[in-house]
Amino acid sequence: MEYQVRLAREADAELLMQARVSQLLDEGSVMKYDTRNEMIDFFQRKLRDGSLIQYIAEREGVLISTAAMMIQEYPPSISWRGERRGYITNVYTDPRYRGQGIASSMLCRLLQDARTLELGNVWLLASKQGKGVYKKLGFDEERPGLDVYMEWFEEA
């Protein structure tokens, strides 16, 4: 199957928002709040300031997959170099195009970008659907004793 991959631009913000909503719903999130306008604003700002690198795969001008990396600043560490890390996010492939290596190819581009930018490391929170893809690319599933993922939400 033929498709084209390109970097997202500010003008793609609405398209990125639609893909993110699809991704979150697909992963089982419930739409408690309508944050679509905030998402559009977020994508525009982060693409503009360069703290978001996002690839779009298109077939005949229609988005079929996307993957992004946020560039985040952290205090220096003794276990990785640099003050910046990459956070992989917004990885989504239309269900009709899954299993064809499209997301993997964009993730490889993001990892190359991380090398070029000399990021200390790259991390992510994997969905059940994505774990196998990330493991094949060299991500460790867990680091016993080092990290515990926790979230805090203020109840509405």
C-alpha atoms as a PDB file:
ATOM      1  CA  MET A   1       0.000   0.000   0.000  1.00  0.00           C
ATOM      2  CA  GLU A   2       1.312   3.413  -0.906  1.00  0.00           C
ATOM      3  CA  TYR A   3       1.257   6.309   1.535  1.00  0.00           C
ATOM      4  CA  GLN A   4       3.240   9.489   2.159  1.00  0.00           C
ATOM      5  CA  VAL A   5       4.736  10.633   5.460  1.00  0.00           C
ATOM      6  CA  ARG A   6       5.288  14.287   6.264  1.00  0.00           C
ATOM      7  CA  LEU A   7       5.846  16.561   9.233  1.00  0.00           C
ATOM      8  CA  ALA A   8       2.722  18.144  10.681  1.00  0.00           C
ATOM      9  CA  ARG A   9       2.277  21.911  10.355  1.00  0.00           C
ATOM     10  CA  GLU A  10       0.236  24.391  12.369  1.00  0.00           C
ATOM     11  CA  ALA A  11      -2.442  24.233   9.672  1.00  0.00           C
ATOM     12  CA  ASP A  12      -2.909  20.522  10.539  1.00  0.00           C
ATOM     13  CA  ALA A  13      -4.049  21.260  14.099  1.00  0.00           C
ATOM     14  CA  GLU A  14      -7.694  20.333  13.507  1.00  0.00           C
ATOM     15  CA  LEU A  15      -6.691  17.115  11.759  1.00  0.00           C
ATOM     16  CA  LEU A  16      -4.384  16.250  14.680  1.00  0.00           C
ATOM     17  CA  MET A  17      -7.192  16.963  17.129  1.00  0.00           C
ATOM     18  CA  GLN A  18      -9.498  14.571  15.279  1.00  0.00           C
ATOM     19  CA  ALA A  19      -6.847  11.842  15.312  1.00  0.00           C
ATOM     20  CA  ARG A  20      -6.214  12.375  19.043  1.00  0.00           C
ATOM     21  CA  VAL A  21      -9.919  12.127  19.882  1.00  0.00           C
ATOM     22  CA  SER A  22     -10.124   8.907  17.832  1.00  0.00           C
ATOM     23  CA  GLN A  23      -7.035   7.554  19.594  1.00  0.00           C
ATOM     24  CA  LEU A  24      -8.356   8.311  23.080  1.00  0.00           C
ATOM     25  CA  LEU A  25     -11.782   6.854  22.364  1.00  0.00           C
ATOM     26  CA  ASP A  26     -10.160   3.782  20.801  1.00  0.00           C
ATOM     27  CA  GLU A  27      -8.093   3.293  23.966  1.00  0.00           C
ATOM     28  CA  GLY A  28     -11.253   3.354  26.089  1.00  0.00           C
ATOM     29  CA  SER A  29     -11.314   6.937  27.353  1.00  0.00           C
ATOM     30  CA  VAL A  30     -14.687   8.524  27.958  1.00  0.00           C
ATOM     31  CA  MET A  31     -15.316  12.048  26.677  1.00  0.00           C
ATOM     32  CA  LYS A  32     -16.183  13.802  29.937  1.00  0.00           C
ATOM     33  CA  TYR A  33     -15.110  17.214  28.607  1.00  0.00           C
ATOM     34  CA  ASP A  34     -15.178  18.752  25.166  1.00  0.00           C
ATOM     35  CA  THR A  35     -11.538  19.852  24.861  1.00  0.00           C
ATOM     36  CA  ARG A  36     -11.341  19.842  21.083  1.00  0.00           C
ATOM     37  CA  ASN A  37     -10.685  23.597  20.824  1.00  0.00           C
ATOM     38  CA  GLU A  38      -7.992  23.344  23.504  1.00  0.00           C
ATOM     39  CA  MET A  39      -6.391  20.500  21.564  1.00  0.00           C
ATOM     40  CA  ILE A  40      -6.317  22.585  18.392  1.00  0.00           C
ATOM     41  CA  ASP A  41      -4.708  25.464  20.297  1.00  0.00           C
ATOM     42  CA  PHE A  42      -2.196  23.079  21.887  1.00  0.00           C
ATOM     43  CA  PHE A  43      -1.109  21.607  18.556  1.00  0.00           C
ATOM     44  CA  GLN A  44      -0.742  25.039  16.979  1.00  0.00           C
ATOM     45  CA  ARG A  45       1.362  26.387  19.867  1.00  0.00           C
ATOM     46  CA  LYS A  46       3.594  23.340  20.243  1.00  0.00           C
ATOM     47  CA  LEU A  47       4.240  22.954  16.521  1.00  0.00           C
ATOM     48  CA  ARG A  48       5.017  26.670  16.331  1.00  0.00           C
ATOM     49  CA  ASP A  49       7.485  26.665  19.234  1.00  0.00           C
ATOM     50  CA  GLY A  50       9.172  23.433  18.114  1.00  0.00           C
ATOM     51  CA  SER A  51       8.464  21.443  21.277  1.00  0.00           C
ATOM     52  CA  LEU A  52       6.316  18.977  19.296  1.00  0.00           C
ATOM     53  CA  ILE A  53       7.485  16.912  16.344  1.00  0.00           C
ATOM     54  CA  GLN A  54       4.575  15.095  14.755  1.00  0.00           C
ATOM     55  CA  TYR A  55       4.480  12.964  11.637  1.00  0.00           C
ATOM     56  CA  ILE A  56       1.396  12.313   9.552  1.00  0.00           C
ATOM     57  CA  ALA A  57       0.987   9.378   7.170  1.00  0.00           C
ATOM     58  CA  GLU A  58      -1.506  10.072   4.396  1.00  0.00           C
ATOM     59  CA  ARG A  59      -3.038   8.017   1.661  1.00  0.00           C
ATOM     60  CA  GLU A  60      -4.671   9.984  -1.122  1.00  0.00           C
ATOM     61  CA  GLY A  61      -4.625  13.091   1.105  1.00  0.00           C
ATOM     62  CA  VAL A  62      -6.364  11.400   4.069  1.00  0.00           C
ATOM     63  CA  LEU A  63      -4.648  10.898   7.428  1.00  0.00           C
ATOM     64  CA  ILE A  64      -4.208   7.194   8.120  1.00  0.00           C
ATOM     65  CA  SER A  65      -1.658   7.339  10.942  1.00  0.00           C
ATOM     66  CA  THR A  66       0.200   9.784  13.147  1.00  0.00           C
ATOM     67  CA  ALA A  67       2.944   9.755  15.783  1.00  0.00           C
ATOM     68  CA  ALA A  68       4.450  12.563  17.827  1.00  0.00           C
ATOM     69  CA  MET A  69       7.233  13.376  20.240  1.00  0.00           C
ATOM     70  CA  MET A  70       7.138  16.168  22.792  1.00  0.00           C
ATOM     71  CA  ILE A  71      10.503  17.614  23.729  1.00  0.00           C
ATOM     72  CA  GLN A  72      10.533  18.202  27.469  1.00  0.00           C
ATOM     73  CA  GLU A  73      13.085  19.780  29.780  1.00  0.00           C
ATOM     74  CA  TYR A  74      14.071  18.036  33.008  1.00  0.00           C
ATOM     75  CA  PRO A  75      16.700  18.584  35.669  1.00  0.00           C
ATOM     76  CA  PRO A  76      19.989  16.888  34.736  1.00  0.00           C
ATOM     77  CA  SER A  77      20.193  13.217  35.703  1.00  0.00           C
ATOM     78  CA  ILE A  78      22.998  10.838  36.602  1.00  0.00           C
ATOM     79  CA  SER A  79      21.433   8.004  34.552  1.00  0.00           C
ATOM     80  CA  TRP A  80      21.043   9.755  31.168  1.00  0.00           C
ATOM     81  CA  ARG A  81      22.748  12.648  29.414  1.00  0.00           C
ATOM     82  CA  GLY A  82      21.218  15.974  28.646  1.00  0.00           C
ATOM     83  CA  GLU A  83      18.435  18.055  30.098  1.00  0.00           C
ATOM     84  CA  ARG A  84      15.866  17.222  27.448  1.00  0.00           C
ATOM     85  CA  ARG A  85      13.869  14.037  26.979  1.00  0.00           C
ATOM     86  CA  GLY A  86      11.461  12.953  24.301  1.00  0.00           C
ATOM     87  CA  TYR A  87       7.937  11.845  25.179  1.00  0.00           C
ATOM     88  CA  ILE A  88       6.210   9.748  22.511  1.00  0.00           C
ATOM     89  CA  THR A  89       2.503  10.567  22.274  1.00  0.00           C
ATOM     90  CA  ASN A  90      -0.415  10.714  19.831  1.00  0.00           C
ATOM     91  CA  VAL A  91       0.460   7.422  18.154  1.00  0.00           C
ATOM     92  CA  TYR A  92      -2.634   6.388  16.262  1.00  0.00           C
ATOM     93  CA  THR A  93      -3.387   4.400  13.128  1.00  0.00           C
ATOM     94  CA  ASP A  94      -6.806   4.124  11.548  1.00  0.00           C
ATOM     95  CA  PRO A  95      -7.965   0.540  12.292  1.00  0.00           C
ATOM     96  CA  ARG A  96      -8.196  -0.218   8.549  1.00  0.00           C
ATOM     97  CA  TYR A  97      -4.427   0.347   8.185  1.00  0.00           C
ATOM     98  CA  ARG A  98      -3.055  -1.314  11.311  1.00  0.00           C
ATOM     99  CA  GLY A  99      -0.475  -4.078  11.176  1.00  0.00           C
ATOM    100  CA  GLN A 100       1.272  -2.679   8.111  1.00  0.00           C
ATOM    101  CA  GLY A 101       4.228  -1.016   9.845  1.00  0.00           C
ATOM    102  CA  ILE A 102       3.053   2.550   9.261  1.00  0.00           C
ATOM    103  CA  ALA A 103       3.258   3.687  12.893  1.00  0.00           C
ATOM    104  CA  SER A 104       6.567   1.847  13.309  1.00  0.00           C
ATOM    105  CA  SER A 105       8.068   3.742  10.383  1.00  0.00           C
ATOM    106  CA  MET A 106       7.047   7.084  11.910  1.00  0.00           C
ATOM    107  CA  LEU A 107       8.337   6.027  15.333  1.00  0.00           C
ATOM    108  CA  CYS A 108      11.697   5.204  13.726  1.00  0.00           C
ATOM    109  CA  ARG A 109      11.766   8.737  12.308  1.00  0.00           C
ATOM    110  CA  LEU A 110      11.010  10.163  15.761  1.00  0.00           C
ATOM    111  CA  LEU A 111      13.812   8.100  17.313  1.00  0.00           C
ATOM    112  CA  GLN A 112      16.185   9.397  14.643  1.00  0.00           C
ATOM    113  CA  ASP A 113      15.021  12.937  15.477  1.00  0.00           C
ATOM    114  CA  ALA A 114      15.786  12.186  19.155  1.00  0.00           C
ATOM    115  CA  ARG A 115      19.324  11.144  18.201  1.00  0.00           C
ATOM    116  CA  THR A 116      19.799  14.236  16.054  1.00  0.00           C
ATOM    117  CA  LEU A 117      18.555  16.475  18.882  1.00  0.00           C
ATOM    118  CA  GLU A 118      20.765  14.566  21.350  1.00  0.00           C
ATOM    119  CA  LEU A 119      17.884  13.934  23.732  1.00  0.00           C
ATOM    120  CA  GLY A 120      18.783  12.157  26.964  1.00  0.00           C
ATOM    121  CA  ASN A 121      16.209   9.441  26.401  1.00  0.00           C
ATOM    122  CA  VAL A 122      12.745   8.835  25.016  1.00  0.00           C
ATOM    123  CA  TRP A 123       9.835   7.556  27.070  1.00  0.00           C
ATOM    124  CA  LEU A 124       6.155   6.765  26.588  1.00  0.00           C
ATOM    125  CA  LEU A 125       3.044   5.362  28.174  1.00  0.00           C
ATOM    126  CA  ALA A 126       1.991   2.399  26.072  1.00  0.00           C
ATOM    127  CA  SER A 127      -1.561   1.340  25.367  1.00  0.00           C
ATOM    128  CA  LYS A 128      -2.273  -2.375  25.235  1.00  0.00           C
ATOM    129  CA  GLN A 129      -2.387  -2.137  21.437  1.00  0.00           C
ATOM    130  CA  GLY A 130       0.989  -0.407  21.215  1.00  0.00           C
ATOM    131  CA  LYS A 131       3.171  -2.442  23.588  1.00  0.00           C
ATOM    132  CA  GLY A 132       4.361  -4.929  20.978  1.00  0.00           C
ATOM    133  CA  VAL A 133       5.311  -2.185  18.523  1.00  0.00           C
ATOM    134  CA  TYR A 134       7.329  -0.321  21.150  1.00  0.00           C
ATOM    135  CA  LYS A 135       9.117  -3.450  22.355  1.00  0.00           C
ATOM    136  CA  LYS A 136      10.239  -4.233  18.789  1.00  0.00           C
ATOM    137  CA  LEU A 137      11.741  -0.739  18.613  1.00  0.00           C
ATOM    138  CA  GLY A 138      13.768  -1.291  21.787  1.00  0.00           C
ATOM    139  CA  PHE A 139      11.603   0.245  24.499  1.00  0.00           C
ATOM    140  CA  ASP A 140      11.794  -1.502  27.884  1.00  0.00           C
ATOM    141  CA  GLU A 141       8.420  -2.393  29.351  1.00  0.00           C
ATOM    142  CA  GLU A 142       9.434  -1.583  32.884  1.00  0.00           C
ATOM    143  CA  ARG A 143      12.398  -0.694  34.999  1.00  0.00           C
ATOM    144  CA  PRO A 144      11.772  -2.472  38.316  1.00  0.00           C
ATOM    145  CA  GLY A 145      12.257  -0.291  41.342  1.00  0.00           C
ATOM    146  CA  LEU A 146      12.763   2.931  39.418  1.00  0.00           C
ATOM    147  CA  ASP A 147       9.429   4.182  38.128  1.00  0.00           C
ATOM    148  CA  VAL A 148       5.853   3.788  39.241  1.00  0.00           C
ATOM    149  CA  TYR A 149       3.315   5.411  36.963  1.00  0.00           C
ATOM    150  CA  MET A 150       0.704   7.282  38.964  1.00  0.00           C
ATOM    151  CA  GLU A 151      -1.960   9.814  38.050  1.00  0.00           C
ATOM    152  CA  TRP A 152      -3.916  12.365  40.014  1.00  0.00           C
ATOM    153  CA  PHE A 153      -7.225  13.737  38.813  1.00  0.00           C
ATOM    154  CA  GLU A 154      -9.429  16.228  40.573  1.00  0.00           C
ATOM    155  CA  GLU A 155     -12.908  14.809  40.496  1.00  0.00           C
ATOM    156  CA  ALA A 156     -15.431  16.959  38.668  1.00  0.00           C
END
